[in-house]
């Protein structure tokens, strides 16, 4: 298992507001995509988890610190790493940077739930 990954993104016109600054909600999309790509890199897509293991992941807590704005055409990187692993959840620490300068940091708790009932469920053995 790789506990850390870096995922590149670019800020497009559709990601910005009238001033050319990335709209705050888009940061959440970028962080989500980076976590999804990290998971895919482990060999597990979201559908495979749901269909084969009967689990889904859902955000239960999110703390985000917007330090500096991302702007139109910026090339960014999202660093994703597991900070904590629990029985039925995990905590990711993520940062979004431009040319080595941190723009945003986030701490995200992801709960593992039964895909059918959405009740908490232990992480499948060997998944992490």
Protein backbone atom coordinates (compact mmCIF):
# COMPACT_ATOMS: atom_id res chain seq x y z
CA UNK A 1 0.00 0.00 0.00
CA UNK A 2 1.16 3.51 -0.83
CA UNK A 3 0.24 5.85 2.00
CA UNK A 4 0.89 9.03 0.01
CA UNK A 5 0.26 10.26 -3.51
CA UNK A 6 0.52 13.45 -5.50
CA UNK A 7 -2.10 14.28 -8.14
CA UNK A 8 -1.72 17.14 -10.67
CA UNK A 9 -4.55 19.47 -11.64
CA UNK A 10 -4.96 22.72 -13.54
CA UNK A 11 -7.33 25.57 -12.76
CA UNK A 12 -9.70 26.07 -15.70
CA UNK A 13 -11.92 29.03 -16.50
CA UNK A 14 -14.97 27.10 -15.24
CA UNK A 15 -13.25 26.73 -11.84
CA UNK A 16 -12.97 30.47 -11.25
CA UNK A 17 -15.14 33.37 -10.22
CA UNK A 18 -15.33 36.74 -11.98
CA UNK A 19 -11.93 37.77 -10.58
CA UNK A 20 -10.10 34.72 -11.96
CA UNK A 21 -9.71 33.13 -8.52
CA UNK A 22 -10.67 29.50 -7.99
CA UNK A 23 -14.11 29.26 -6.35
CA UNK A 24 -13.83 27.79 -2.85
CA UNK A 25 -16.13 24.80 -3.47
CA UNK A 26 -13.88 23.57 -6.28
CA UNK A 27 -11.13 22.86 -3.77
CA UNK A 28 -13.41 20.20 -2.29
CA UNK A 29 -13.80 18.59 -5.73
CA UNK A 30 -10.05 18.56 -6.27
CA UNK A 31 -9.42 17.01 -2.86
CA UNK A 32 -12.10 14.37 -3.52
CA UNK A 33 -10.63 13.51 -6.90
CA UNK A 34 -7.16 13.17 -5.42
CA UNK A 35 -8.44 10.77 -2.73
CA UNK A 36 -10.31 8.79 -5.39
CA UNK A 37 -7.18 8.56 -7.56
CA UNK A 38 -5.13 7.50 -4.54
CA UNK A 39 -7.65 4.72 -3.88
CA UNK A 40 -7.62 3.73 -7.56
CA UNK A 41 -3.82 3.54 -7.34
CA UNK A 42 -4.29 0.95 -4.58
CA UNK A 43 -6.32 -1.15 -7.02
CA UNK A 44 -9.77 -0.17 -5.76
CA UNK A 45 -12.21 1.97 -7.67
CA UNK A 46 -15.34 3.15 -5.90
CA UNK A 47 -17.57 0.77 -7.88
CA UNK A 48 -15.37 -2.23 -7.12
CA UNK A 49 -15.58 -1.46 -3.42
CA UNK A 50 -19.35 -1.19 -3.60
CA UNK A 51 -19.96 -4.24 -5.76
CA UNK A 52 -17.29 -6.66 -4.51
CA UNK A 53 -16.80 -5.65 -0.89
CA UNK A 54 -20.16 -4.05 -0.12
CA UNK A 55 -18.66 -0.86 1.27
CA UNK A 56 -18.70 2.82 0.42
CA UNK A 57 -16.81 5.78 1.78
CA UNK A 58 -18.39 9.01 2.90
CA UNK A 59 -16.92 12.23 4.27
CA UNK A 60 -17.86 12.61 7.91
CA UNK A 61 -15.65 15.55 8.92
CA UNK A 62 -13.78 18.14 6.90
CA UNK A 63 -11.46 20.88 8.10
CA UNK A 64 -10.01 23.15 5.42
CA UNK A 65 -7.66 26.11 5.61
CA UNK A 66 -7.57 28.39 2.58
CA UNK A 67 -4.20 30.18 2.80
CA UNK A 68 -3.69 31.65 -0.66
CA UNK A 69 -5.85 31.66 -3.79
CA UNK A 70 -5.41 29.43 -6.81
CA UNK A 71 -5.90 31.31 -10.05
CA UNK A 72 -6.86 30.68 -13.64
CA UNK A 73 -4.36 28.42 -15.48
CA UNK A 74 -2.39 27.57 -12.33
CA UNK A 75 -0.79 24.13 -12.34
CA UNK A 76 -1.44 22.61 -8.94
CA UNK A 77 -0.62 19.44 -7.06
CA UNK A 78 -2.73 17.77 -4.43
CA UNK A 79 -0.71 15.77 -1.92
CA UNK A 80 -2.79 13.11 -0.18
CA UNK A 81 -1.65 10.97 2.71
CA UNK A 82 -3.24 8.78 5.35
CA UNK A 83 -2.73 10.39 8.74
CA UNK A 84 -4.73 7.93 10.82
CA UNK A 85 -6.35 4.56 10.29
CA UNK A 86 -9.18 3.38 12.56
CA UNK A 87 -11.48 0.38 12.57
CA UNK A 88 -14.23 1.97 10.45
CA UNK A 89 -12.68 5.24 9.29
CA UNK A 90 -9.52 6.89 8.13
CA UNK A 91 -8.20 10.42 8.23
CA UNK A 92 -6.50 11.97 5.24
CA UNK A 93 -4.27 15.00 5.38
CA UNK A 94 -4.20 16.83 2.07
CA UNK A 95 -2.48 19.91 0.74
CA UNK A 96 -2.87 21.79 -2.50
CA UNK A 97 0.20 23.59 -3.76
CA UNK A 98 1.48 25.66 -6.66
CA UNK A 99 5.20 25.43 -7.50
CA UNK A 100 5.95 24.14 -3.99
CA UNK A 101 3.92 26.86 -2.23
CA UNK A 102 1.07 25.53 -0.08
CA UNK A 103 -2.24 27.19 -0.92
CA UNK A 104 -4.67 25.03 1.02
CA UNK A 105 -4.53 22.32 3.66
CA UNK A 106 -7.30 19.94 4.69
CA UNK A 107 -7.93 17.15 7.16
CA UNK A 108 -10.70 14.81 6.05
CA UNK A 109 -12.26 11.95 8.03
CA UNK A 110 -13.72 9.30 5.76
CA UNK A 111 -16.17 6.82 7.24
CA UNK A 112 -16.54 3.30 5.87
CA UNK A 113 -20.19 2.34 5.57
CA UNK A 114 -22.20 -0.63 4.38
CA UNK A 115 -23.07 0.15 0.75
CA UNK A 116 -26.69 -0.96 1.19
CA UNK A 117 -27.58 0.45 4.61
CA UNK A 118 -25.05 3.28 5.03
CA UNK A 119 -24.43 2.12 8.58
CA UNK A 120 -20.80 2.19 9.81
CA UNK A 121 -18.84 -0.89 8.81
CA UNK A 122 -15.29 -2.00 9.59
CA UNK A 123 -12.73 -1.39 6.87
CA UNK A 124 -12.26 -4.58 4.84
CA UNK A 125 -9.19 -6.57 5.95
CA UNK A 126 -6.19 -5.93 3.75
CA UNK A 127 -7.65 -2.83 2.14
CA UNK A 128 -5.25 -0.47 3.93
